[in-house]
Structure formats: C-alpha cells, structure tokens
Amino acid sequence: MDRYISINNSKIFVKYIHVKESTDSPLLVFLHDALGCVASWRDFPSIICQRTGLNGLVYDRLGYGKSSPTKSNRSPGYLEKEALEVLPEVLKILSIDKVILVGHSDGGSMALINAGHCNNVQALVSIAAHIKVEDITIKGVAKAAPNLLKGSQLDKLNEYHHGKAAKLVNDWQEIWLSNDFRNWNISGTLSNIHCPALIIQGSEDEYATKYHAAEIVKGIGLNAELRMIKEAGHFPHKDAREEVVQLITDFISKLK
C-alpha cells in the first residue's frame, strides 16, 4: 500500500505494511538512516511487522528515495526539525495517533527526540543512534563520504534515491563535519522519555564509541534497556539480522 502525501507543496512517499485488520494497537513507524530510504530497509520492516503482528509505516524523508528533492542545505537543527515538525505532520495527515518508533542512525536520533517531546509514542527502538558528535563520528564520515561519491557506490545510492544521492552525501558530510554542528547534543532530551526504550548498537560501530549507547540508556533511566550486538558495525540489523529481529520482537511482545 504505497502513496504520496503533500507537505508544504512537496511530496513524501509512504508505504504501509498491513498484517492485520485495523485495531487499536499502535503502528510501527520506521525511520531510516542518514543515507537510507524505504527501499534500503529492504524487508526488515515487513519482518518486524509480521513477527509482532502490528501494522507498520515506512516513509522517505524529503530529499530521499521517492520523495521530492530538497534545494536548501541542512542546518544544525535538521534532526530536531524532522523529529518535531515533519514526523508529527506525517502522522497527523495519515490520522495516526499511537506509534512505536523504530529508527536507525539519524532515524534513531529522531525517535529519541520525538519520544522526548510527544506523548503518542508507546515505545521506541533506537538502533545506532547519535546523541552527540564524537571524534569517531567525524572520522567515520570523513572516511566514508569520498568513496560514496564515486563509481559503483554512487550508482547504487542513486538506484535508491533516484538521482539525489550526490546531494545527500554532500549534505551528510557537510553538516557532520561542520564546526557549527560540533557541539550538537540531545542528551538533555533523554530524561523526558518515559516510554519503554530498546537501545541497540553494534560493538564495532564505526561512527560511535561503545559507550555511546550506554549513555543513551543512562540518560533515559529505568525504562531503557541496552543490547550490544557483538561483531556488528553501524548496521546491526543487517550484520546480525536475526538476532536484532528477535530482540525487537521480544521487546514489543512484553508491551502487550
């Protein structure tokens, strides 16, 4: 069930995952990473929906996937804007009230920000999220970006983003490597998260230290649980797919 919705004269592509008739259960909303989109999740959202028995929604943020391109550059508050302005508007247009957020990387940060400010979040799963900029993050972006702008890697990204890949990569590296973003930090939001939270990080994440996820859990408090995935990098849901699927399934089953 695919469709487009309009926000400020731009089109956002959304995909429903329907596993059962509409109920009063919360909807799983999947928030993709800094260079991701609906298609790059592959069948991960569908599997989570099938295993948990919950319907789901995935969407391409503006500038990504099948959604409209963007012309402006990113500001240091781009994650807060996505989490507190765009995401609520998407849910409002689609008449969605109760959600379980599942976010990866940038999407994980968005899930944390949104849950810290909105009362319709029943639970959240944050995979490889950032709450601040670390030296390892800067080094990781600086190393990866030039290769992503070349040859087959750029071609692959363009298959997902329909010709928008070069701007996405440039926007990504410019904001994360900028001095204006160096002090970005959402740690203060974490204590406002009162819903159950599953925090997942790969032990070999090339964009965050092994302490990063622990800081997130400490900031949220007793409602949060941490799961480190051994030998997994920044994409634990791909590096250790079945383990992560089972962790999320078990976490959501405890909510019912």
Protein backbone atom coordinates (compact mmCIF):
# COMPACT_ATOMS: atom_id res chain seq x y z
CA MET A 1 0.00 0.00 0.00
CA ASP A 2 2.05 2.91 -1.34
CA ARG A 3 1.02 6.53 -1.61
CA TYR A 4 2.26 10.11 -1.54
CA ILE A 5 1.30 12.82 0.89
CA SER A 6 1.93 16.53 0.46
CA ILE A 7 3.71 18.77 2.97
CA ASN A 8 4.45 22.38 2.02
CA ASN A 9 3.96 21.58 -1.67
CA SER A 10 6.47 18.72 -1.55
CA LYS A 11 5.66 15.03 -1.94
CA ILE A 12 6.59 12.44 0.66
CA PHE A 13 6.47 8.77 -0.28
CA VAL A 14 4.90 6.49 2.33
CA LYS A 15 4.47 2.73 2.40
CA TYR A 16 2.01 0.87 4.61
CA ILE A 17 2.73 -2.63 5.84
CA HIS A 18 -0.58 -4.35 6.51
CA VAL A 19 -0.53 -7.57 8.51
CA LYS A 20 -3.97 -7.46 10.15
CA GLU A 21 -7.20 -5.53 10.14
CA SER A 22 -7.13 -2.14 11.81
CA THR A 23 -7.18 -2.31 15.57
CA ASP A 24 -6.46 -0.04 18.50
CA SER A 25 -2.85 -1.28 18.53
CA PRO A 26 -0.01 1.20 17.94
CA LEU A 27 1.52 1.44 14.48
CA LEU A 28 5.19 0.64 13.95
CA VAL A 29 6.83 3.65 12.29
CA PHE A 30 10.28 3.06 10.77
CA LEU A 31 12.70 6.00 10.48
CA HIS A 32 15.61 5.47 8.09
CA ASP A 33 19.27 6.45 8.44
CA ALA A 34 21.22 9.42 7.02
CA LEU A 35 21.60 7.86 3.57
CA GLY A 36 18.69 5.43 3.71
CA CYS A 37 15.12 5.28 2.46
CA VAL A 38 12.13 2.95 2.30
CA ALA A 39 13.85 0.69 -0.24
CA SER A 40 17.15 0.45 1.65
CA TRP A 41 15.38 -1.05 4.67
CA ARG A 42 14.58 -3.95 2.33
CA ASP A 43 12.22 -6.41 4.04
CA PHE A 44 13.31 -5.65 7.61
CA PRO A 45 10.18 -3.58 8.47
CA SER A 46 7.88 -6.24 6.98
CA ILE A 47 9.52 -8.98 9.03
CA ILE A 48 9.20 -6.97 12.25
CA CYS A 49 5.52 -6.31 11.49
CA GLN A 50 4.86 -9.98 10.73
CA ARG A 51 6.67 -11.21 13.85
CA THR A 52 4.93 -8.72 16.15
CA GLY A 53 1.50 -8.78 14.49
CA LEU A 54 1.48 -4.98 14.19
CA ASN A 55 0.87 -2.88 11.11
CA GLY A 56 3.64 -0.56 10.01
CA LEU A 57 4.56 2.56 8.12
CA VAL A 58 7.80 3.48 6.37
CA TYR A 59 8.41 6.78 4.60
CA ASP A 60 11.11 8.60 2.65
CA ARG A 61 12.09 11.91 4.20
CA LEU A 62 12.27 14.87 1.84
CA GLY A 63 15.35 14.59 -0.37
CA TYR A 64 15.41 10.80 -0.04
CA GLY A 65 14.13 7.85 -2.05
CA LYS A 66 10.96 8.62 -3.99
CA SER A 67 10.16 11.82 -2.09
CA SER A 68 10.67 15.30 -3.52
CA PRO A 69 14.22 16.67 -3.71
CA THR A 70 15.36 19.50 -1.47
CA LYS A 71 17.29 22.58 -2.50
CA SER A 72 18.37 24.01 0.83
CA ASN A 73 21.38 22.84 2.86
CA ARG A 74 20.97 21.27 6.28
CA SER A 75 21.03 23.38 9.41
CA PRO A 76 22.46 22.18 12.75
CA GLY A 77 18.88 21.60 13.91
CA TYR A 78 17.89 19.36 11.00
CA LEU A 79 17.23 16.30 13.16
CA GLU A 80 15.05 18.25 15.59
CA LYS A 81 13.09 19.71 12.66
CA GLU A 82 12.47 16.26 11.19
CA ALA A 83 11.50 14.80 14.57
CA LEU A 84 9.34 17.62 15.89
CA GLU A 85 7.85 19.17 12.75
CA VAL A 86 7.86 16.76 9.81
CA LEU A 87 7.20 13.45 11.59
CA PRO A 88 4.22 14.80 13.58
CA GLU A 89 2.81 16.31 10.38
CA VAL A 90 3.14 12.97 8.55
CA LEU A 91 1.31 11.20 11.37
CA LYS A 92 -1.37 13.91 11.51
CA ILE A 93 -2.07 13.71 7.77
CA LEU A 94 -2.36 9.93 7.98
CA SER A 95 -4.54 10.10 11.15
CA ILE A 96 -2.11 8.04 13.19
CA ASP A 97 -2.22 8.57 16.96
CA LYS A 98 -0.35 5.76 18.75
CA VAL A 99 3.07 4.71 17.50
CA ILE A 100 6.09 2.58 18.26
CA LEU A 101 9.10 4.23 16.68
CA VAL A 102 11.88 2.13 15.16
CA GLY A 103 14.78 4.30 13.98
CA HIS A 104 18.27 3.64 12.68
CA SER A 105 21.18 6.13 12.96
CA ASP A 106 19.69 9.55 12.10
CA GLY A 107 16.30 7.87 12.38
CA GLY A 108 17.24 6.56 15.82
CA SER A 109 18.13 10.07 16.94
CA MET A 110 14.81 11.30 15.55
CA ALA A 111 12.98 8.62 17.52
CA LEU A 112 14.66 9.75 20.74
CA ILE A 113 13.91 13.42 20.08
CA ASN A 114 10.28 12.76 19.18
CA ALA A 115 9.69 10.47 22.17
CA GLY A 116 11.13 13.13 24.46
CA HIS A 117 8.56 15.70 23.30
CA CYS A 118 5.44 13.81 22.13
CA ASN A 119 3.04 11.78 24.23
CA ASN A 120 1.77 9.47 21.47
CA VAL A 121 4.91 7.29 21.48
CA GLN A 122 4.11 3.99 23.20
CA ALA A 123 7.66 2.64 22.89
CA LEU A 124 10.80 3.13 20.83
CA VAL A 125 13.58 1.08 19.32
CA SER A 126 16.73 3.06 18.64
CA ILE A 127 19.42 1.39 16.51
CA ALA A 128 22.88 3.01 16.28
CA ALA A 129 21.52 6.44 17.21
CA HIS A 130 23.63 9.50 17.99
CA ILE A 131 23.03 11.92 20.86
CA LYS A 132 26.21 13.91 20.25
CA VAL A 133 29.12 14.26 17.86
CA GLU A 134 32.15 12.15 18.75
CA ASP A 135 35.61 12.18 17.19
CA ILE A 136 34.95 8.70 15.80
CA THR A 137 31.81 10.03 14.10
CA ILE A 138 33.76 12.77 12.33
CA LYS A 139 36.49 10.35 11.26
CA GLY A 140 33.93 7.83 10.03
CA VAL A 141 32.04 10.36 7.92
CA ALA A 142 35.24 11.88 6.53
CA LYS A 143 36.45 8.43 5.52
CA ALA A 144 33.20 7.14 4.01
CA ALA A 145 31.86 10.18 2.11
CA PRO A 146 34.51 10.46 -0.66
CA ASN A 147 34.07 6.78 -1.59
CA LEU A 148 30.29 7.11 -1.65
CA LEU A 149 30.60 9.84 -4.27
CA LYS A 150 32.45 7.57 -6.69
CA GLY A 151 31.54 4.95 -9.27
CA SER A 152 29.52 1.93 -8.28
CA GLN A 153 28.78 3.13 -4.74
CA LEU A 154 27.22 6.35 -6.04
CA ASP A 155 25.35 4.37 -8.71
CA LYS A 156 23.94 2.08 -6.03
CA LEU A 157 22.80 5.01 -3.90
CA ASN A 158 21.19 6.62 -6.94
CA GLU A 159 19.14 3.47 -7.50
CA TYR A 160 17.63 4.07 -4.08
CA HIS A 161 17.41 7.86 -4.32
CA HIS A 162 16.57 8.41 -7.99
CA GLY A 163 19.43 10.76 -8.85
CA LYS A 164 19.53 12.57 -5.49
CA ALA A 165 22.44 10.61 -3.99
CA ALA A 166 25.28 13.10 -4.57
CA LYS A 167 23.39 15.88 -2.79
CA LEU A 168 22.51 13.54 0.08
CA VAL A 169 26.12 12.50 0.61
CA ASN A 170 27.35 16.09 0.34
CA ASP A 171 24.69 17.32 2.78
CA TRP A 172 25.58 14.50 5.17
CA GLN A 173 29.29 15.18 5.25
CA GLU A 174 28.96 18.96 5.27
CA ILE A 175 26.73 19.05 8.35
CA TRP A 176 28.57 16.35 10.37
CA LEU A 177 31.99 17.83 9.58
CA SER A 178 30.98 21.46 10.16
CA ASN A 179 32.10 23.49 13.16
CA ASP A 180 28.51 24.66 13.66
CA PHE A 181 27.42 21.06 14.32
CA ARG A 182 30.35 20.06 16.52
CA ASN A 183 28.51 20.86 19.76
CA TRP A 184 25.18 19.31 18.74
CA ASN A 185 23.93 17.30 21.71
CA ILE A 186 20.47 15.95 22.61
CA SER A 187 21.42 14.36 25.94
CA GLY A 188 19.09 16.74 27.76
CA THR A 189 16.09 15.28 25.94
CA LEU A 190 16.62 11.75 27.22
CA SER A 191 15.24 12.27 30.73
CA ASN A 192 11.92 13.30 29.15
CA ILE A 193 11.48 9.88 27.55
CA HIS A 194 9.04 7.93 29.72
CA CYS A 195 8.07 5.10 27.37
CA PRO A 196 9.86 1.72 27.18
CA ALA A 197 13.00 2.01 25.04
CA LEU A 198 15.21 -0.63 23.44
CA ILE A 199 18.66 0.74 22.59
CA ILE A 200 20.72 -1.31 20.13
CA GLN A 201 24.28 -0.70 18.97
CA GLY A 202 26.93 -2.79 17.21
CA SER A 203 30.09 -3.35 19.24
CA GLU A 204 32.15 -2.40 16.18
CA ASP A 205 30.13 0.68 15.15
CA GLU A 206 32.43 2.80 13.01
CA TYR A 207 30.53 6.01 13.82
CA ALA A 208 30.19 5.79 17.62
CA THR A 209 32.13 4.58 20.62
CA LYS A 210 30.94 1.53 22.55
CA TYR A 211 29.98 3.90 25.38
CA HIS A 212 27.54 5.90 23.27
CA ALA A 213 24.56 3.56 23.63
CA ALA A 214 25.24 3.20 27.35
CA GLU A 215 24.99 6.99 27.70
CA ILE A 216 21.60 6.90 25.99
CA VAL A 217 20.31 4.25 28.37
CA LYS A 218 21.67 6.09 31.41
CA GLY A 219 20.01 9.31 30.24
CA ILE A 220 16.60 7.66 29.80
CA GLY A 221 16.78 5.67 33.01
CA LEU A 222 14.85 2.61 34.14
CA ASN A 223 12.59 2.49 31.08
CA ALA A 224 15.53 1.74 28.79
CA GLU A 225 17.38 -1.48 28.08
CA LEU A 226 20.65 -1.84 26.20
CA ARG A 227 21.59 -4.58 23.76
CA MET A 228 25.10 -4.53 22.26
CA ILE A 229 25.47 -6.71 19.18
CA LYS A 230 28.84 -8.44 19.08
CA GLU A 231 30.95 -8.04 15.94
CA ALA A 232 28.31 -5.81 14.30
CA GLY A 233 29.01 -2.38 12.84
CA HIS A 234 26.75 0.61 12.23
CA PHE A 235 24.08 -1.60 10.64
CA PRO A 236 23.46 -4.30 13.26
CA HIS A 237 20.05 -5.09 11.74
CA LYS A 238 21.94 -6.19 8.61
CA ASP A 239 25.11 -7.59 10.21
CA ALA A 240 23.17 -9.68 12.75
CA ARG A 241 19.72 -9.60 11.25
CA GLU A 242 18.02 -12.49 13.02
CA GLU A 243 19.41 -11.52 16.42
CA VAL A 244 18.13 -7.96 16.07
CA VAL A 245 14.75 -9.09 14.74
CA GLN A 246 14.34 -11.39 17.74
CA LEU A 247 15.38 -8.67 20.19
CA ILE A 248 12.81 -6.27 18.78
CA THR A 249 10.11 -8.93 18.63
CA ASP A 250 10.70 -9.92 22.27
CA PHE A 251 10.77 -6.27 23.37
CA ILE A 252 7.45 -5.47 21.68
CA SER A 253 5.81 -8.67 22.92
CA LYS A 254 6.44 -7.52 26.51
CA LEU A 255 4.43 -4.36 25.84
CA LYS A 256 1.20 -6.21 25.10
